């Protein structure tokens, strides 16, 4: 278990889920961010194409959405000790690059 980071990423797809999705409850309140390139997250054991933001992290949601809309590249930190959905790790920090 570890913290991982990827740099200079382009957000390809922004996929927010409602707070209540009865048919797939594991996605309740998650926003999944898909990146244009796949890659390892360093020592973290995470799926290579995306990362999740939990609904409580509103500052991460707004920052990453602003980056997506502005076409800015991002650097993202994840932690594989937090609960994962389908192998996708949670974002614990983000850097918006100019």
C-alpha atoms as a PDB file:
ATOM      1  CA  UNK A   1       0.000   0.000   0.000  1.00  0.00           C
ATOM      2  CA  UNK A   2       1.339   3.362  -0.992  1.00  0.00           C
ATOM      3  CA  UNK A   3       0.836   6.888  -2.206  1.00  0.00           C
ATOM      4  CA  UNK A   4       1.307   7.327  -5.938  1.00  0.00           C
ATOM      5  CA  UNK A   5       1.497  10.253  -8.299  1.00  0.00           C
ATOM      6  CA  UNK A   6       1.293  10.920 -12.013  1.00  0.00           C
ATOM      7  CA  UNK A   7       2.243  14.210 -13.624  1.00  0.00           C
ATOM      8  CA  UNK A   8       1.329  16.237 -16.684  1.00  0.00           C
ATOM      9  CA  UNK A   9      -2.004  14.474 -17.216  1.00  0.00           C
ATOM     10  CA  UNK A  10      -4.781  15.538 -19.577  1.00  0.00           C
ATOM     11  CA  UNK A  11      -8.301  14.936 -18.272  1.00  0.00           C
ATOM     12  CA  UNK A  12     -10.164  13.090 -21.035  1.00  0.00           C
ATOM     13  CA  UNK A  13     -13.548  12.388 -19.406  1.00  0.00           C
ATOM     14  CA  UNK A  14     -15.341  13.772 -16.358  1.00  0.00           C
ATOM     15  CA  UNK A  15     -17.880  11.308 -14.889  1.00  0.00           C
ATOM     16  CA  UNK A  16     -19.814  12.465 -11.796  1.00  0.00           C
ATOM     17  CA  UNK A  17     -22.309  10.113 -10.154  1.00  0.00           C
ATOM     18  CA  UNK A  18     -25.343  11.100  -8.124  1.00  0.00           C
ATOM     19  CA  UNK A  19     -25.332  10.689  -4.360  1.00  0.00           C
ATOM     20  CA  UNK A  20     -27.825   7.882  -4.847  1.00  0.00           C
ATOM     21  CA  UNK A  21     -27.427   5.363  -7.674  1.00  0.00           C
ATOM     22  CA  UNK A  22     -29.384   2.361  -6.381  1.00  0.00           C
ATOM     23  CA  UNK A  23     -28.306   0.074  -9.237  1.00  0.00           C
ATOM     24  CA  UNK A  24     -24.554   0.679  -8.591  1.00  0.00           C
ATOM     25  CA  UNK A  25     -24.300   1.868  -4.989  1.00  0.00           C
ATOM     26  CA  UNK A  26     -20.505   1.599  -4.914  1.00  0.00           C
ATOM     27  CA  UNK A  27     -20.407   4.689  -7.173  1.00  0.00           C
ATOM     28  CA  UNK A  28     -22.672   6.829  -4.961  1.00  0.00           C
ATOM     29  CA  UNK A  29     -21.194  10.320  -4.717  1.00  0.00           C
ATOM     30  CA  UNK A  30     -18.021   9.575  -6.681  1.00  0.00           C
ATOM     31  CA  UNK A  31     -16.649  11.617  -9.544  1.00  0.00           C
ATOM     32  CA  UNK A  32     -14.419   9.500 -11.757  1.00  0.00           C
ATOM     33  CA  UNK A  33     -11.748  11.334 -13.721  1.00  0.00           C
ATOM     34  CA  UNK A  34     -10.397   9.554 -16.808  1.00  0.00           C
ATOM     35  CA  UNK A  35      -7.018  10.559 -18.229  1.00  0.00           C
ATOM     36  CA  UNK A  36      -5.946  10.564 -21.877  1.00  0.00           C
ATOM     37  CA  UNK A  37      -2.931   8.349 -21.170  1.00  0.00           C
ATOM     38  CA  UNK A  38      -2.646   5.200 -19.087  1.00  0.00           C
ATOM     39  CA  UNK A  39       0.228   4.734 -16.672  1.00  0.00           C
ATOM     40  CA  UNK A  40       1.406   3.332 -13.376  1.00  0.00           C
ATOM     41  CA  UNK A  41       0.891   5.286 -10.167  1.00  0.00           C
ATOM     42  CA  UNK A  42       4.397   4.626  -8.844  1.00  0.00           C
ATOM     43  CA  UNK A  43       4.217   2.129  -5.967  1.00  0.00           C
ATOM     44  CA  UNK A  44       0.439   2.489  -5.554  1.00  0.00           C
ATOM     45  CA  UNK A  45      -1.684  -0.412  -6.796  1.00  0.00           C
ATOM     46  CA  UNK A  46      -4.322   1.504  -8.775  1.00  0.00           C
ATOM     47  CA  UNK A  47      -6.089   1.196 -12.117  1.00  0.00           C
ATOM     48  CA  UNK A  48      -4.017   2.955 -14.770  1.00  0.00           C
ATOM     49  CA  UNK A  49      -6.602   5.084 -16.603  1.00  0.00           C
ATOM     50  CA  UNK A  50      -8.539   6.978 -13.943  1.00  0.00           C
ATOM     51  CA  UNK A  51      -8.922   8.177 -10.354  1.00  0.00           C
ATOM     52  CA  UNK A  52     -11.921   9.013  -8.146  1.00  0.00           C
ATOM     53  CA  UNK A  53     -12.892  12.059  -6.098  1.00  0.00           C
ATOM     54  CA  UNK A  54     -15.292  11.620  -3.172  1.00  0.00           C
ATOM     55  CA  UNK A  55     -18.200  14.059  -2.877  1.00  0.00           C
ATOM     56  CA  UNK A  56     -16.911  15.490   0.416  1.00  0.00           C
ATOM     57  CA  UNK A  57     -13.791  16.807  -1.338  1.00  0.00           C
ATOM     58  CA  UNK A  58     -15.607  19.700  -2.985  1.00  0.00           C
ATOM     59  CA  UNK A  59     -12.406  21.738  -3.352  1.00  0.00           C
ATOM     60  CA  UNK A  60     -10.832  18.902  -5.371  1.00  0.00           C
ATOM     61  CA  UNK A  61     -13.969  18.563  -7.486  1.00  0.00           C
ATOM     62  CA  UNK A  62     -14.080  22.276  -8.310  1.00  0.00           C
ATOM     63  CA  UNK A  63     -10.331  22.514  -8.987  1.00  0.00           C
ATOM     64  CA  UNK A  64     -10.223  19.459 -11.228  1.00  0.00           C
ATOM     65  CA  UNK A  65     -13.396  20.526 -13.069  1.00  0.00           C
ATOM     66  CA  UNK A  66     -11.877  23.970 -13.680  1.00  0.00           C
ATOM     67  CA  UNK A  67      -8.729  22.294 -15.045  1.00  0.00           C
ATOM     68  CA  UNK A  68     -10.823  20.042 -17.285  1.00  0.00           C
ATOM     69  CA  UNK A  69     -12.855  22.945 -18.652  1.00  0.00           C
ATOM     70  CA  UNK A  70      -9.754  25.111 -19.212  1.00  0.00           C
ATOM     71  CA  UNK A  71      -7.767  22.326 -20.836  1.00  0.00           C
ATOM     72  CA  UNK A  72      -5.048  22.534 -18.180  1.00  0.00           C
ATOM     73  CA  UNK A  73      -2.755  19.623 -17.389  1.00  0.00           C
ATOM     74  CA  UNK A  74      -2.818  18.232 -13.862  1.00  0.00           C
ATOM     75  CA  UNK A  75      -0.621  16.264 -11.509  1.00  0.00           C
ATOM     76  CA  UNK A  76      -2.543  13.864  -9.287  1.00  0.00           C
ATOM     77  CA  UNK A  77      -1.733  12.065  -6.041  1.00  0.00           C
ATOM     78  CA  UNK A  78      -3.648   8.915  -5.042  1.00  0.00           C
ATOM     79  CA  UNK A  79      -3.555   6.563  -2.064  1.00  0.00           C
ATOM     80  CA  UNK A  80      -4.298   2.864  -2.445  1.00  0.00           C
ATOM     81  CA  UNK A  81      -5.044   2.360   1.264  1.00  0.00           C
ATOM     82  CA  UNK A  82      -8.402   4.124   0.814  1.00  0.00           C
ATOM     83  CA  UNK A  83     -11.339   2.013  -0.419  1.00  0.00           C
ATOM     84  CA  UNK A  84     -11.226   1.438  -4.194  1.00  0.00           C
ATOM     85  CA  UNK A  85     -14.044   0.836  -6.674  1.00  0.00           C
ATOM     86  CA  UNK A  86     -13.003  -1.503  -9.498  1.00  0.00           C
ATOM     87  CA  UNK A  87      -9.352  -0.894  -8.675  1.00  0.00           C
ATOM     88  CA  UNK A  88      -9.631   2.889  -9.044  1.00  0.00           C
ATOM     89  CA  UNK A  89      -7.905   4.841  -6.266  1.00  0.00           C
ATOM     90  CA  UNK A  90      -9.068   8.023  -4.573  1.00  0.00           C
ATOM     91  CA  UNK A  91      -7.416  11.351  -5.324  1.00  0.00           C
ATOM     92  CA  UNK A  92      -5.808  12.837  -2.211  1.00  0.00           C
ATOM     93  CA  UNK A  93      -4.177  15.898  -3.817  1.00  0.00           C
ATOM     94  CA  UNK A  94      -4.061  17.610  -7.182  1.00  0.00           C
ATOM     95  CA  UNK A  95      -1.858  20.186  -8.820  1.00  0.00           C
ATOM     96  CA  UNK A  96      -3.239  22.312 -11.644  1.00  0.00           C
ATOM     97  CA  UNK A  97      -0.447  23.086 -14.095  1.00  0.00           C
ATOM     98  CA  UNK A  98      -0.290  26.145 -16.322  1.00  0.00           C
END
